[in-house]
Amino acid sequence: MRESQPAAVQSKAGARETAIAARGVVVEFGAKRVLDGLDLDVYRGEVLGFVGGSGQGKSVLTRAVLGLVEKQAGAIEVFGQSLETATSKQMKALDRRFGVLFQQGALFSGLTVRQNIQVPMREYLGLSRGLMDELAMLKIEMVGLSRDAADKFPAELSGGMIKRAALARALALDPDILFLDEPTSGLDPIGAAEFDKLIATLQRTLGLTVFMVTHDLDSIYSICDRIAALADGKVVAQGTIADMLASTHPWVRAYFHGDRARRLDASSPPLNSPASPPLNSPESPARVDSVRSL
């Protein structure tokens, strides 16, 4: 865990800048209340891991922020802009600042990797086909795929390649906030570790705020600055790994002290910490040659 946030995300007063603020959020599906007065802050420049039991609504908050599900009560602000009072123009501007990696990738099966990455470009940017092709190739290389993956269809990709292609699409508009929904789900342990390293490298390089819904303890320890735990529709604990281990909430204790919880070695620096190898060193987990520019 990093002890402090980078200077770029500190306010003039020294306090951390809030990227997402949720207050009293209620989301119901029929008679079932999934989120019940949820409060949560996500700070700019951090990686927040959002954990909770299966079916407890971890992905629902992401969808509420993105406007994909309707909330029945509460308020959500993104970079100080209230989603309740935002005009359609303001919402479109916010949408461009979001990148989303859905569970299982959610690539369009009838489009190639290149075409999938270009979908948000076509929707939001008035670029020529040649420029979109160049940008798409940049994103493909950024996530560690070979150039020949550009013209493959999702059915021709492995599970790990699908995740990387979907990540490239999520980065298509150079977002400020990256939403990851179970990013390592379905990957073998080696593939999951490599994907964690990629996320950590991109987060450091691009200065991303990352909101990661996950159940993977390895990912939580490796790349998260803070963790927020969801139970009974509310955030019942939040903070560092040490805070989670010290929590007395029954679900949090079962999760972080259960039979499948690994021993967390505090002597090993997280992948996104200053102690990690420099981006372009031979020891770096991933190399990104060009970012946010053509």
Protein backbone atom coordinates (compact mmCIF):
# COMPACT_ATOMS: atom_id res chain seq x y z
CA MET A 1 0.00 0.00 0.00
CA ARG A 2 1.18 3.48 -0.76
CA GLU A 3 1.43 5.67 2.28
CA SER A 4 0.37 8.85 0.51
CA GLN A 5 -1.18 9.96 -2.75
CA PRO A 6 0.94 11.50 -5.53
CA ALA A 7 1.26 15.28 -5.44
CA ALA A 8 -0.80 15.52 -8.64
CA VAL A 9 -3.94 14.41 -6.81
CA GLN A 10 -3.53 16.61 -3.75
CA SER A 11 -5.60 19.75 -3.37
CA LYS A 12 -4.00 23.06 -2.44
CA ALA A 13 -4.94 22.35 1.17
CA GLY A 14 -3.22 18.98 0.99
CA ALA A 15 -6.40 16.89 1.15
CA ARG A 16 -7.02 14.14 -1.38
CA GLU A 17 -9.22 15.10 -4.30
CA THR A 18 -12.42 13.08 -4.58
CA ALA A 19 -13.10 11.55 -8.00
CA ILE A 20 -16.36 9.80 -7.09
CA ALA A 21 -18.56 10.60 -4.09
CA ALA A 22 -21.62 8.46 -3.34
CA ARG A 23 -23.98 9.41 -0.53
CA GLY A 24 -27.02 7.48 0.65
CA VAL A 25 -27.32 5.52 -2.60
CA VAL A 26 -30.29 3.17 -2.78
CA VAL A 27 -30.83 0.78 -5.69
CA GLU A 28 -33.72 -1.67 -5.82
CA PHE A 29 -34.69 -4.38 -8.28
CA GLY A 30 -38.36 -5.04 -7.63
CA ALA A 31 -38.78 -5.82 -3.96
CA LYS A 32 -35.06 -6.50 -3.48
CA ARG A 33 -32.97 -3.63 -2.14
CA VAL A 34 -29.40 -4.18 -3.33
CA LEU A 35 -27.76 -0.94 -2.20
CA ASP A 36 -29.20 0.47 1.00
CA GLY A 37 -27.90 3.95 1.79
CA LEU A 38 -24.37 3.34 0.51
CA ASP A 39 -21.70 5.97 1.18
CA LEU A 40 -18.31 5.85 -0.54
CA ASP A 41 -15.50 8.15 -1.69
CA VAL A 42 -13.04 7.21 -4.42
CA TYR A 43 -9.98 9.45 -4.46
CA ARG A 44 -8.33 10.68 -7.61
CA GLY A 45 -5.22 8.72 -8.56
CA GLU A 46 -5.90 5.72 -6.34
CA VAL A 47 -6.75 2.09 -7.04
CA LEU A 48 -9.78 1.17 -4.96
CA GLY A 49 -10.75 -2.47 -4.63
CA PHE A 50 -14.48 -2.99 -4.07
CA VAL A 51 -15.23 -6.36 -2.49
CA GLY A 52 -18.35 -8.14 -1.32
CA GLY A 53 -20.20 -11.43 -1.41
CA SER A 54 -21.65 -12.86 -4.61
CA GLY A 55 -24.92 -11.17 -5.52
CA GLN A 56 -24.43 -8.39 -2.98
CA GLY A 57 -24.35 -5.63 -5.59
CA LYS A 58 -20.67 -4.94 -6.18
CA SER A 59 -21.23 -4.22 -9.88
CA VAL A 60 -24.43 -2.27 -9.25
CA LEU A 61 -22.62 0.80 -7.94
CA THR A 62 -20.48 0.91 -11.09
CA ARG A 63 -23.61 0.72 -13.21
CA ALA A 64 -25.26 3.45 -11.15
CA VAL A 65 -22.30 5.78 -11.72
CA LEU A 66 -22.37 4.99 -15.44
CA GLY A 67 -26.13 5.59 -15.61
CA LEU A 68 -26.86 1.99 -16.59
CA VAL A 69 -29.15 1.37 -13.62
CA GLU A 70 -31.52 3.78 -11.92
CA LYS A 71 -31.12 4.54 -8.25
CA GLN A 72 -34.13 5.18 -6.05
CA ALA A 73 -32.40 7.55 -3.62
CA GLY A 74 -29.09 9.19 -2.82
CA ALA A 75 -26.59 11.29 -4.74
CA ILE A 76 -23.49 10.61 -6.81
CA GLU A 77 -20.90 13.20 -7.82
CA VAL A 78 -18.05 12.65 -10.27
CA PHE A 79 -15.26 15.23 -10.22
CA GLY A 80 -17.65 17.53 -8.37
CA GLN A 81 -20.42 17.22 -10.96
CA SER A 82 -23.73 15.96 -9.62
CA LEU A 83 -25.15 13.23 -11.83
CA GLU A 84 -28.64 14.23 -10.73
CA THR A 85 -28.38 17.78 -12.07
CA ALA A 86 -26.01 17.24 -15.00
CA THR A 87 -27.27 18.23 -18.43
CA SER A 88 -27.00 15.81 -21.35
CA LYS A 89 -23.98 17.77 -22.59
CA GLN A 90 -22.30 17.52 -19.19
CA MET A 91 -23.05 13.80 -18.99
CA LYS A 92 -21.54 13.22 -22.41
CA ALA A 93 -18.41 15.06 -21.29
CA LEU A 94 -18.25 12.87 -18.18
CA ASP A 95 -18.79 9.72 -20.23
CA ARG A 96 -15.65 10.53 -22.19
CA ARG A 97 -13.70 10.48 -18.93
CA PHE A 98 -14.81 6.91 -18.15
CA GLY A 99 -13.27 3.68 -19.35
CA VAL A 100 -15.04 0.41 -18.55
CA LEU A 101 -13.84 -3.19 -18.61
CA PHE A 102 -16.94 -5.36 -18.16
CA GLN A 103 -16.93 -8.93 -16.89
CA GLN A 104 -15.79 -11.39 -19.56
CA GLY A 105 -14.70 -8.46 -21.74
CA ALA A 106 -18.08 -7.91 -23.46
CA LEU A 107 -16.47 -7.47 -26.88
CA PHE A 108 -18.74 -7.28 -29.91
CA SER A 109 -18.44 -10.72 -31.46
CA GLY A 110 -18.98 -9.48 -35.03
CA LEU A 111 -16.19 -6.88 -34.85
CA THR A 112 -12.44 -7.34 -34.92
CA VAL A 113 -10.27 -6.20 -32.03
CA ARG A 114 -9.39 -3.03 -33.96
CA GLN A 115 -13.05 -2.30 -34.66
CA ASN A 116 -14.05 -2.94 -31.04
CA ILE A 117 -11.48 -0.43 -29.84
CA GLN A 118 -12.74 2.11 -32.35
CA VAL A 119 -16.37 1.93 -31.18
CA PRO A 120 -16.00 4.68 -28.53
CA MET A 121 -13.87 6.72 -30.93
CA ARG A 122 -16.64 6.64 -33.52
CA GLU A 123 -19.20 7.66 -30.90
CA TYR A 124 -17.31 10.55 -29.33
CA LEU A 125 -14.53 11.68 -31.68
CA GLY A 126 -14.64 13.04 -35.21
CA LEU A 127 -11.49 11.31 -36.45
CA SER A 128 -10.51 10.01 -39.84
CA ARG A 129 -10.32 6.27 -40.37
CA GLY A 130 -6.55 6.43 -40.70
CA LEU A 131 -6.17 8.25 -37.39
CA MET A 132 -8.53 5.82 -35.65
CA ASP A 133 -6.51 2.90 -37.03
CA GLU A 134 -3.32 4.47 -35.69
CA LEU A 135 -4.86 5.10 -32.28
CA ALA A 136 -6.28 1.58 -32.11
CA MET A 137 -2.86 0.09 -32.83
CA LEU A 138 -1.37 2.27 -30.10
CA LYS A 139 -3.89 0.92 -27.59
CA ILE A 140 -3.31 -2.66 -28.74
CA GLU A 141 0.42 -2.34 -28.12
CA MET A 142 -0.21 -0.50 -24.84
CA VAL A 143 -1.99 -3.53 -23.35
CA GLY A 144 0.64 -5.98 -24.50
CA LEU A 145 -1.10 -7.53 -27.50
CA SER A 146 0.75 -8.19 -30.73
CA ARG A 147 -0.13 -6.10 -33.76
CA ASP A 148 -1.58 -9.11 -35.59
CA ALA A 149 -4.31 -9.33 -32.94
CA ALA A 150 -5.90 -6.22 -34.46
CA ASP A 151 -7.75 -8.10 -37.19
CA LYS A 152 -8.80 -11.10 -35.11
CA PHE A 153 -12.37 -11.64 -33.95
CA PRO A 154 -13.15 -12.35 -30.27
CA ALA A 155 -13.78 -16.05 -31.03
CA GLU A 156 -10.17 -16.31 -32.18
CA LEU A 157 -8.74 -14.96 -28.91
CA SER A 158 -7.77 -16.67 -25.67
CA GLY A 159 -9.36 -15.57 -22.41
CA GLY A 160 -6.36 -13.44 -21.52
CA MET A 161 -6.30 -11.81 -24.94
CA ILE A 162 -10.00 -10.98 -24.65
CA LYS A 163 -9.32 -9.21 -21.35
CA ARG A 164 -6.48 -7.21 -22.88
CA ALA A 165 -8.51 -6.30 -25.97
CA ALA A 166 -11.38 -5.14 -23.75
CA LEU A 167 -8.91 -3.13 -21.68
CA ALA A 168 -7.60 -1.50 -24.86
CA ARG A 169 -11.17 -0.48 -25.72
CA ALA A 170 -11.65 0.89 -22.19
CA LEU A 171 -8.57 3.07 -22.73
CA ALA A 172 -9.64 4.25 -26.19
CA LEU A 173 -10.63 7.77 -25.07
CA ASP A 174 -7.77 8.24 -22.58
CA PRO A 175 -10.12 8.13 -19.57
CA ASP A 176 -9.51 9.61 -16.14
CA ILE A 177 -11.43 6.84 -14.34
CA LEU A 178 -11.09 3.17 -15.22
CA PHE A 179 -13.84 0.83 -14.01
CA LEU A 180 -12.80 -2.82 -13.82
CA ASP A 181 -15.45 -5.47 -13.18
CA GLU A 182 -13.79 -8.71 -12.00
CA PRO A 183 -10.79 -8.15 -14.31
CA THR A 184 -9.00 -11.40 -13.41
CA SER A 185 -12.09 -13.63 -13.36
CA GLY A 186 -11.61 -16.68 -15.57
CA LEU A 187 -7.84 -16.26 -15.86
CA ASP A 188 -5.34 -18.83 -14.61
CA PRO A 189 -3.05 -17.70 -11.76
CA ILE A 190 -0.19 -16.76 -14.11
CA GLY A 191 -2.49 -14.85 -16.45
CA ALA A 192 -4.16 -13.10 -13.52
CA ALA A 193 -0.81 -12.02 -12.09
CA GLU A 194 0.30 -10.69 -15.49
CA PHE A 195 -2.95 -8.75 -15.83
CA ASP A 196 -2.49 -7.25 -12.36
CA LYS A 197 0.99 -6.09 -13.39
CA LEU A 198 -0.40 -4.54 -16.55
CA ILE A 199 -3.09 -2.62 -14.62
CA ALA A 200 -0.52 -1.40 -12.09
CA THR A 201 1.83 -0.19 -14.83
CA LEU A 202 -0.92 1.59 -16.78
CA GLN A 203 -2.26 3.19 -13.60
CA ARG A 204 1.16 4.59 -12.71
CA THR A 205 1.91 5.72 -16.26
CA LEU A 206 -1.44 7.30 -17.11
CA GLY A 207 -2.29 8.58 -13.63
CA LEU A 208 -5.60 6.72 -13.70
CA THR A 209 -8.17 6.49 -10.96
CA VAL A 210 -9.15 2.81 -10.85
CA PHE A 211 -12.39 1.47 -9.36
CA MET A 212 -11.99 -2.30 -9.33
CA VAL A 213 -14.79 -4.70 -8.43
CA THR A 214 -13.05 -7.92 -7.48
CA HIS A 215 -13.01 -10.98 -5.26
CA ASP A 216 -9.36 -11.79 -5.97
CA LEU A 217 -7.26 -11.38 -2.81
CA ASP A 218 -4.05 -11.50 -4.82
CA SER A 219 -5.21 -8.53 -6.91
CA ILE A 220 -6.38 -6.68 -3.82
CA TYR A 221 -3.02 -6.93 -2.16
CA SER A 222 -0.93 -6.42 -5.30
CA ILE A 223 -2.44 -3.28 -6.79
CA CYS A 224 -5.00 -1.67 -4.45
CA ASP A 225 -4.27 1.43 -2.40
CA ARG A 226 -7.50 1.03 -0.46
CA ILE A 227 -10.32 -1.49 -0.18
CA ALA A 228 -14.03 -0.94 0.48
CA ALA A 229 -16.12 -3.89 1.64
CA LEU A 230 -19.83 -4.17 0.78
CA ALA A 231 -22.27 -6.08 2.97
CA ASP A 232 -25.98 -5.66 3.60
CA GLY A 233 -26.13 -2.94 0.95
CA LYS A 234 -23.62 -0.67 2.67
CA VAL A 235 -19.88 -0.12 2.86
CA VAL A 236 -19.09 -1.76 6.18
CA ALA A 237 -15.31 -1.26 6.16
CA GLN A 238 -12.79 0.67 4.11
CA GLY A 239 -9.11 1.41 4.23
CA THR A 240 -5.85 -0.40 3.69
CA ILE A 241 -5.21 -4.13 3.95
CA ALA A 242 -4.20 -3.53 7.56
CA ASP A 243 -7.56 -1.87 8.20
CA MET A 244 -9.38 -4.82 6.64
CA LEU A 245 -7.44 -7.32 8.74
CA ALA A 246 -8.29 -5.31 11.87
CA SER A 247 -12.01 -5.02 11.05
CA THR A 248 -14.44 -6.74 13.41
CA HIS A 249 -17.29 -6.97 10.89
CA PRO A 250 -18.23 -10.68 10.51
CA TRP A 251 -18.17 -10.74 6.69
CA VAL A 252 -14.90 -8.81 6.47
CA ARG A 253 -13.28 -11.12 9.01
CA ALA A 254 -14.52 -14.20 7.15
CA TYR A 255 -13.19 -12.83 3.86
CA PHE A 256 -9.76 -11.68 4.98
CA HIS A 257 -9.16 -14.39 7.59
CA GLY A 258 -10.98 -17.30 5.94
CA ASP A 259 -9.57 -20.62 4.82
CA ARG A 260 -8.88 -19.35 1.28
CA ALA A 261 -7.35 -16.04 2.35
CA ARG A 262 -3.65 -16.06 1.67
CA ARG A 263 -1.03 -14.75 4.04
CA LEU A 264 -0.25 -11.19 3.06
CA ASP A 265 3.45 -10.42 3.05
CA ALA A 266 3.78 -6.80 4.06
CA SER A 267 7.47 -6.84 3.11
CA SER A 268 6.59 -7.19 -0.60
CA PRO A 269 5.84 -3.80 -2.24
CA PRO A 270 2.57 -3.52 -4.17
CA LEU A 271 2.92 -3.46 -7.93
CA ASN A 272 1.90 0.20 -8.15
CA SER A 273 4.19 1.43 -5.38
CA PRO A 274 7.28 3.59 -5.91
CA ALA A 275 9.35 0.51 -5.04
CA SER A 276 8.17 -1.26 -8.18
CA PRO A 277 10.62 -1.38 -11.13
CA PRO A 278 10.75 1.71 -13.37
CA LEU A 279 8.35 1.56 -16.29
CA ASN A 280 10.90 0.93 -19.02
CA SER A 281 13.38 -1.14 -17.01
CA PRO A 282 13.95 -4.79 -17.97
CA GLU A 283 12.38 -5.76 -14.63
CA SER A 284 9.19 -3.80 -15.28
CA PRO A 285 6.10 -6.06 -15.47
CA ALA A 286 4.93 -4.33 -18.63
CA ARG A 287 6.27 -1.65 -20.94
CA VAL A 288 4.23 1.16 -22.36
CA ASP A 289 6.12 3.08 -25.02
CA SER A 290 3.59 5.81 -25.77
CA VAL A 291 0.65 7.11 -23.77
CA ARG A 292 -1.98 9.76 -24.24
CA SER A 293 -0.35 10.98 -27.45
CA LEU A 294 0.15 10.19 -31.09
